[in-house]
Amino acid sequence: MLRTLADWWRRNRRRVLGVLLLCAFFFALGYFTPRVASPLMCKVYG
């Protein structure tokens, strides 16, 4: 089990880190922007 997880992590490490960085970027963007931007912003920033 642990070995297969390690193999999966080695294969998908760059993809997982990229998705995490993208999520962190949008979270920070939504956190620091003013709340009254547009109705669609809440769908983009969660």
PDB file of N, CA and C in Angstrom:
ATOM      1  N   MET A   1       0.838  -1.208   0.000  1.00  0.00           N
ATOM      2  CA  MET A   1       0.000   0.000   0.000  1.00  0.00           C
ATOM      3  C   MET A   1       0.872   1.257   0.000  1.00  0.00           C
ATOM      4  N   LEU A   2       1.815   1.292   0.943  1.00  0.00           N
ATOM      5  CA  LEU A   2       2.682   2.469   1.040  1.00  0.00           C
ATOM      6  C   LEU A   2       3.573   2.598  -0.188  1.00  0.00           C
ATOM      7  N   ARG A   3       3.996   1.435  -0.703  1.00  0.00           N
ATOM      8  CA  ARG A   3       4.854   1.469  -1.887  1.00  0.00           C
ATOM      9  C   ARG A   3       4.106   2.003  -3.106  1.00  0.00           C
ATOM     10  N   THR A   4       2.847   1.594  -3.264  1.00  0.00           N
ATOM     11  CA  THR A   4       2.075   2.089  -4.396  1.00  0.00           C
ATOM     12  C   THR A   4       1.788   3.584  -4.252  1.00  0.00           C
ATOM     13  N   LEU A   5       1.582   4.047  -3.016  1.00  0.00           N
ATOM     14  CA  LEU A   5       1.391   5.482  -2.806  1.00  0.00           C
ATOM     15  C   LEU A   5       2.656   6.257  -3.158  1.00  0.00           C
ATOM     16  N   ALA A   6       3.793   5.721  -2.787  1.00  0.00           N
ATOM     17  CA  ALA A   6       5.059   6.388  -3.104  1.00  0.00           C
ATOM     18  C   ALA A   6       5.282   6.429  -4.612  1.00  0.00           C
ATOM     19  N   ASP A   7       4.974   5.350  -5.293  1.00  0.00           N
ATOM     20  CA  ASP A   7       5.114   5.331  -6.752  1.00  0.00           C
ATOM     21  C   ASP A   7       4.167   6.334  -7.401  1.00  0.00           C
ATOM     22  N   TRP A   8       2.929   6.380  -6.910  1.00  0.00           N
ATOM     23  CA  TRP A   8       1.959   7.334  -7.452  1.00  0.00           C
ATOM     24  C   TRP A   8       2.443   8.765  -7.230  1.00  0.00           C
ATOM     25  N   TRP A   9       2.996   9.042  -6.035  1.00  0.00           N
ATOM     26  CA  TRP A   9       3.488  10.385  -5.731  1.00  0.00           C
ATOM     27  C   TRP A   9       4.636  10.756  -6.666  1.00  0.00           C
ATOM     28  N   ARG A  10       5.538   9.809  -6.932  1.00  0.00           N
ATOM     29  CA  ARG A  10       6.656  10.103  -7.839  1.00  0.00           C
ATOM     30  C   ARG A  10       6.166  10.390  -9.246  1.00  0.00           C
ATOM     31  N   ARG A  11       5.141   9.671  -9.679  1.00  0.00           N
ATOM     32  CA  ARG A  11       4.630   9.894 -11.036  1.00  0.00           C
ATOM     33  C   ARG A  11       3.866  11.214 -11.163  1.00  0.00           C
ATOM     34  N   ASN A  12       3.120  11.592 -10.124  1.00  0.00           N
ATOM     35  CA  ASN A  12       2.207  12.740 -10.234  1.00  0.00           C
ATOM     36  C   ASN A  12       2.616  13.937  -9.388  1.00  0.00           C
ATOM     37  N   ARG A  13       3.863  13.961  -8.931  1.00  0.00           N
ATOM     38  CA  ARG A  13       4.284  15.021  -8.009  1.00  0.00           C
ATOM     39  C   ARG A  13       4.143  16.407  -8.617  1.00  0.00           C
ATOM     40  N   ARG A  14       4.593  16.581  -9.850  1.00  0.00           N
ATOM     41  CA  ARG A  14       4.537  17.917 -10.460  1.00  0.00           C
ATOM     42  C   ARG A  14       3.090  18.363 -10.666  1.00  0.00           C
ATOM     43  N   ARG A  15       2.229  17.456 -11.073  1.00  0.00           N
ATOM     44  CA  ARG A  15       0.821  17.797 -11.301  1.00  0.00           C
ATOM     45  C   ARG A  15       0.131  18.184  -9.998  1.00  0.00           C
ATOM     46  N   VAL A  16       0.373  17.398  -8.940  1.00  0.00           N
ATOM     47  CA  VAL A  16      -0.253  17.672  -7.644  1.00  0.00           C
ATOM     48  C   VAL A  16       0.238  19.006  -7.093  1.00  0.00           C
ATOM     49  N   LEU A  17       1.539  19.263  -7.175  1.00  0.00           N
ATOM     50  CA  LEU A  17       2.072  20.532  -6.676  1.00  0.00           C
ATOM     51  C   LEU A  17       1.542  21.707  -7.488  1.00  0.00           C
ATOM     52  N   GLY A  18       1.395  21.529  -8.791  1.00  0.00           N
ATOM     53  CA  GLY A  18       0.837  22.590  -9.626  1.00  0.00           C
ATOM     54  C   GLY A  18      -0.598  22.919  -9.253  1.00  0.00           C
ATOM     55  N   VAL A  19      -1.401  21.888  -9.014  1.00  0.00           N
ATOM     56  CA  VAL A  19      -2.797  22.114  -8.624  1.00  0.00           C
ATOM     57  C   VAL A  19      -2.864  22.794  -7.257  1.00  0.00           C
ATOM     58  N   LEU A  20      -2.008  22.362  -6.326  1.00  0.00           N
ATOM     59  CA  LEU A  20      -1.992  22.993  -5.004  1.00  0.00           C
ATOM     60  C   LEU A  20      -1.577  24.458  -5.082  1.00  0.00           C
ATOM     61  N   LEU A  21      -0.585  24.762  -5.896  1.00  0.00           N
ATOM     62  CA  LEU A  21      -0.162  26.155  -6.058  1.00  0.00           C
ATOM     63  C   LEU A  21      -1.258  26.991  -6.707  1.00  0.00           C
ATOM     64  N   LEU A  22      -1.950  26.422  -7.676  1.00  0.00           N
ATOM     65  CA  LEU A  22      -3.047  27.138  -8.324  1.00  0.00           C
ATOM     66  C   LEU A  22      -4.177  27.412  -7.342  1.00  0.00           C
ATOM     67  N   CYS A  23      -4.521  26.441  -6.521  1.00  0.00           N
ATOM     68  CA  CYS A  23      -5.562  26.635  -5.509  1.00  0.00           C
ATOM     69  C   CYS A  23      -5.141  27.690  -4.493  1.00  0.00           C
ATOM     70  N   ALA A  24      -3.893  27.641  -4.064  1.00  0.00           N
ATOM     71  CA  ALA A  24      -3.411  28.629  -3.103  1.00  0.00           C
ATOM     72  C   ALA A  24      -3.425  30.028  -3.709  1.00  0.00           C
ATOM     73  N   PHE A  25      -3.072  30.136  -4.989  1.00  0.00           N
ATOM     74  CA  PHE A  25      -3.081  31.433  -5.658  1.00  0.00           C
ATOM     75  C   PHE A  25      -4.491  32.016  -5.707  1.00  0.00           C
ATOM     76  N   PHE A  26      -5.470  31.206  -6.117  1.00  0.00           N
ATOM     77  CA  PHE A  26      -6.836  31.721  -6.200  1.00  0.00           C
ATOM     78  C   PHE A  26      -7.422  32.000  -4.824  1.00  0.00           C
ATOM     79  N   PHE A  27      -7.035  31.207  -3.825  1.00  0.00           N
ATOM     80  CA  PHE A  27      -7.493  31.479  -2.470  1.00  0.00           C
ATOM     81  C   PHE A  27      -6.949  32.833  -1.993  1.00  0.00           C
ATOM     82  N   ALA A  28      -5.658  33.076  -2.222  1.00  0.00           N
ATOM     83  CA  ALA A  28      -5.057  34.342  -1.809  1.00  0.00           C
ATOM     84  C   ALA A  28      -5.668  35.502  -2.590  1.00  0.00           C
ATOM     85  N   LEU A  29      -5.916  35.297  -3.871  1.00  0.00           N
ATOM     86  CA  LEU A  29      -6.513  36.344  -4.696  1.00  0.00           C
ATOM     87  C   LEU A  29      -7.909  36.688  -4.191  1.00  0.00           C
ATOM     88  N   GLY A  30      -8.702  35.673  -3.879  1.00  0.00           N
ATOM     89  CA  GLY A  30     -10.043  35.921  -3.364  1.00  0.00           C
ATOM     90  C   GLY A  30     -10.030  36.504  -1.965  1.00  0.00           C
ATOM     91  N   TYR A  31      -9.014  36.164  -1.199  1.00  0.00           N
ATOM     92  CA  TYR A  31      -8.940  36.646   0.183  1.00  0.00           C
ATOM     93  C   TYR A  31      -8.575  38.122   0.238  1.00  0.00           C
ATOM     94  N   PHE A  32      -7.689  38.563  -0.654  1.00  0.00           N
ATOM     95  CA  PHE A  32      -7.181  39.932  -0.575  1.00  0.00           C
ATOM     96  C   PHE A  32      -7.914  40.920  -1.473  1.00  0.00           C
ATOM     97  N   THR A  33      -8.812  40.458  -2.341  1.00  0.00           N
ATOM     98  CA  THR A  33      -9.563  41.392  -3.178  1.00  0.00           C
ATOM     99  C   THR A  33     -10.791  41.876  -2.431  1.00  0.00           C
ATOM    100  N   PRO A  34     -11.304  43.052  -2.786  1.00  0.00           N
ATOM    101  CA  PRO A  34     -12.532  43.539  -2.141  1.00  0.00           C
ATOM    102  C   PRO A  34     -13.715  42.613  -2.432  1.00  0.00           C
ATOM    103  N   ARG A  35     -14.630  42.547  -1.503  1.00  0.00           N
ATOM    104  CA  ARG A  35     -15.752  41.610  -1.611  1.00  0.00           C
ATOM    105  C   ARG A  35     -16.774  42.020  -2.677  1.00  0.00           C
ATOM    106  N   VAL A  36     -16.903  43.317  -2.959  1.00  0.00           N
ATOM    107  CA  VAL A  36     -17.920  43.763  -3.918  1.00  0.00           C
ATOM    108  C   VAL A  36     -17.260  43.969  -5.279  1.00  0.00           C
ATOM    109  N   ALA A  37     -17.061  42.920  -6.014  1.00  0.00           N
ATOM    110  CA  ALA A  37     -16.446  43.038  -7.331  1.00  0.00           C
ATOM    111  C   ALA A  37     -17.508  42.793  -8.408  1.00  0.00           C
ATOM    112  N   SER A  38     -17.991  41.579  -8.517  1.00  0.00           N
ATOM    113  CA  SER A  38     -19.070  41.266  -9.452  1.00  0.00           C
ATOM    114  C   SER A  38     -19.710  39.964  -9.009  1.00  0.00           C
ATOM    115  N   PRO A  39     -20.935  39.694  -9.430  1.00  0.00           N
ATOM    116  CA  PRO A  39     -21.606  38.461  -9.000  1.00  0.00           C
ATOM    117  C   PRO A  39     -20.877  37.187  -9.451  1.00  0.00           C
ATOM    118  N   LEU A  40     -20.147  37.259 -10.573  1.00  0.00           N
ATOM    119  CA  LEU A  40     -19.473  36.063 -11.060  1.00  0.00           C
ATOM    120  C   LEU A  40     -18.190  35.759 -10.281  1.00  0.00           C
ATOM    121  N   MET A  41     -17.670  36.752  -9.560  1.00  0.00           N
ATOM    122  CA  MET A  41     -16.433  36.543  -8.840  1.00  0.00           C
ATOM    123  C   MET A  41     -16.590  35.460  -7.767  1.00  0.00           C
ATOM    124  N   CYS A  42     -17.762  35.384  -7.144  1.00  0.00           N
ATOM    125  CA  CYS A  42     -17.929  34.395  -6.094  1.00  0.00           C
ATOM    126  C   CYS A  42     -17.879  32.991  -6.665  1.00  0.00           C
ATOM    127  N   LYS A  43     -18.301  32.811  -7.929  1.00  0.00           N
ATOM    128  CA  LYS A  43     -18.219  31.492  -8.563  1.00  0.00           C
ATOM    129  C   LYS A  43     -16.775  31.149  -8.877  1.00  0.00           C
ATOM    130  N   VAL A  44     -15.972  32.145  -9.228  1.00  0.00           N
ATOM    131  CA  VAL A  44     -14.573  31.882  -9.568  1.00  0.00           C
ATOM    132  C   VAL A  44     -13.750  31.659  -8.313  1.00  0.00           C
ATOM    133  N   TYR A  45     -13.930  32.514  -7.309  1.00  0.00           N
ATOM    134  CA  TYR A  45     -13.083  32.462  -6.128  1.00  0.00           C
ATOM    135  C   TYR A  45     -13.667  31.615  -5.001  1.00  0.00           C
ATOM    136  N   GLY A  46     -14.836  31.086  -5.194  1.00  0.00           N
ATOM    137  CA  GLY A  46     -15.418  30.233  -4.161  1.00  0.00           C
ATOM    138  C   GLY A  46     -16.039  31.079  -3.106  1.00  0.00           C
TER     139      GLY A  46
END
